[in-house]
Amino acid sequence: MSEENALEIDGVKHNIDEMTDQQKAMLKHVADLEQKLANARFNLDQLQFSRQAFIDALKASLNEKS
């Protein structure tokens, strides 16, 4: 079993080439979901930063008025 065709889960190596089509599909789902989670974290970081920028801009604007 080559390293590039192996998957380790809970300390057990599995040969991807020997997986059933259903198992390979589940593996693709897991990989896709990992990517979606990473994208969601990235988007959340952007949203939180942008929200804080607007809060800071609002505070600055309110302070100018005083």
C-alpha atoms as a PDB file:
ATOM      1  CA  MET A   1       0.000   0.000   0.000  1.00  0.00           C
ATOM      2  CA  SER A   2       1.559   3.285  -1.076  1.00  0.00           C
ATOM      3  CA  GLU A   3       1.329   6.252   1.257  1.00  0.00           C
ATOM      4  CA  GLU A   4      -0.588   8.338  -1.295  1.00  0.00           C
ATOM      5  CA  ASN A   5      -3.313   5.691  -1.532  1.00  0.00           C
ATOM      6  CA  ALA A   6      -3.563   5.221   2.220  1.00  0.00           C
ATOM      7  CA  LEU A   7      -5.838   6.867   4.728  1.00  0.00           C
ATOM      8  CA  GLU A   8      -5.289   6.687   8.464  1.00  0.00           C
ATOM      9  CA  ILE A   9      -8.328   6.774  10.721  1.00  0.00           C
ATOM     10  CA  ASP A  10      -7.998   6.224  14.467  1.00  0.00           C
ATOM     11  CA  GLY A  11      -4.476   4.895  13.994  1.00  0.00           C
ATOM     12  CA  VAL A  12      -5.500   2.318  11.392  1.00  0.00           C
ATOM     13  CA  LYS A  13      -4.295   2.645   7.797  1.00  0.00           C
ATOM     14  CA  HIS A  14      -6.806   1.894   5.048  1.00  0.00           C
ATOM     15  CA  ASN A  15      -5.999   1.389   1.381  1.00  0.00           C
ATOM     16  CA  ILE A  16      -8.218   3.739  -0.620  1.00  0.00           C
ATOM     17  CA  ASP A  17      -7.933   1.529  -3.702  1.00  0.00           C
ATOM     18  CA  GLU A  18      -9.544  -1.316  -1.749  1.00  0.00           C
ATOM     19  CA  MET A  19     -12.500   0.758  -0.521  1.00  0.00           C
ATOM     20  CA  THR A  20     -15.974   0.222  -1.896  1.00  0.00           C
ATOM     21  CA  ASP A  21     -17.535   2.882  -4.094  1.00  0.00           C
ATOM     22  CA  GLN A  22     -19.740   3.869  -1.162  1.00  0.00           C
ATOM     23  CA  GLN A  23     -16.705   4.283   1.113  1.00  0.00           C
ATOM     24  CA  LYS A  24     -14.911   6.340  -1.533  1.00  0.00           C
ATOM     25  CA  ALA A  25     -18.002   8.546  -1.873  1.00  0.00           C
ATOM     26  CA  MET A  26     -18.077   9.070   1.910  1.00  0.00           C
ATOM     27  CA  LEU A  27     -14.393   9.976   1.801  1.00  0.00           C
ATOM     28  CA  LYS A  28     -15.132  12.564  -0.906  1.00  0.00           C
ATOM     29  CA  HIS A  29     -17.939  13.981   1.240  1.00  0.00           C
ATOM     30  CA  VAL A  30     -15.580  14.295   4.201  1.00  0.00           C
ATOM     31  CA  ALA A  31     -12.971  16.073   2.066  1.00  0.00           C
ATOM     32  CA  ASP A  32     -15.602  18.412   0.608  1.00  0.00           C
ATOM     33  CA  LEU A  33     -16.987  19.193   4.058  1.00  0.00           C
ATOM     34  CA  GLU A  34     -13.480  19.922   5.381  1.00  0.00           C
ATOM     35  CA  GLN A  35     -13.046  22.456   2.565  1.00  0.00           C
ATOM     36  CA  LYS A  36     -16.450  24.004   3.250  1.00  0.00           C
ATOM     37  CA  LEU A  37     -15.615  24.311   6.957  1.00  0.00           C
ATOM     38  CA  ALA A  38     -12.325  26.018   6.126  1.00  0.00           C
ATOM     39  CA  ASN A  39     -14.149  28.418   3.803  1.00  0.00           C
ATOM     40  CA  ALA A  40     -16.782  29.097   6.460  1.00  0.00           C
ATOM     41  CA  ARG A  41     -14.066  29.906   9.031  1.00  0.00           C
ATOM     42  CA  PHE A  42     -12.415  32.252   6.517  1.00  0.00           C
ATOM     43  CA  ASN A  43     -15.744  33.965   5.791  1.00  0.00           C
ATOM     44  CA  LEU A  44     -16.497  34.257   9.501  1.00  0.00           C
ATOM     45  CA  ASP A  45     -13.113  35.935  10.074  1.00  0.00           C
ATOM     46  CA  GLN A  46     -13.906  38.430   7.304  1.00  0.00           C
ATOM     47  CA  LEU A  47     -17.365  39.136   8.677  1.00  0.00           C
ATOM     48  CA  GLN A  48     -16.126  39.630  12.227  1.00  0.00           C
ATOM     49  CA  PHE A  49     -13.347  41.961  11.059  1.00  0.00           C
ATOM     50  CA  SER A  50     -15.754  43.945   8.869  1.00  0.00           C
ATOM     51  CA  ARG A  51     -18.316  44.203  11.654  1.00  0.00           C
ATOM     52  CA  GLN A  52     -15.668  45.568  14.010  1.00  0.00           C
ATOM     53  CA  ALA A  53     -14.536  48.062  11.360  1.00  0.00           C
ATOM     54  CA  PHE A  54     -18.091  49.407  11.096  1.00  0.00           C
ATOM     55  CA  ILE A  55     -18.416  49.585  14.883  1.00  0.00           C
ATOM     56  CA  ASP A  56     -15.134  51.515  15.057  1.00  0.00           C
ATOM     57  CA  ALA A  57     -16.260  53.840  12.252  1.00  0.00           C
ATOM     58  CA  LEU A  58     -19.565  54.455  14.028  1.00  0.00           C
ATOM     59  CA  LYS A  59     -17.797  55.247  17.300  1.00  0.00           C
ATOM     60  CA  ALA A  60     -15.458  57.657  15.526  1.00  0.00           C
ATOM     61  CA  SER A  61     -18.387  59.333  13.795  1.00  0.00           C
ATOM     62  CA  LEU A  62     -20.302  59.692  17.065  1.00  0.00           C
ATOM     63  CA  ASN A  63     -17.248  61.156  18.785  1.00  0.00           C
ATOM     64  CA  GLU A  64     -16.849  63.797  16.029  1.00  0.00           C
ATOM     65  CA  LYS A  65     -20.401  64.959  16.670  1.00  0.00           C
ATOM     66  CA  SER A  66     -19.764  65.534  20.404  1.00  0.00           C
END
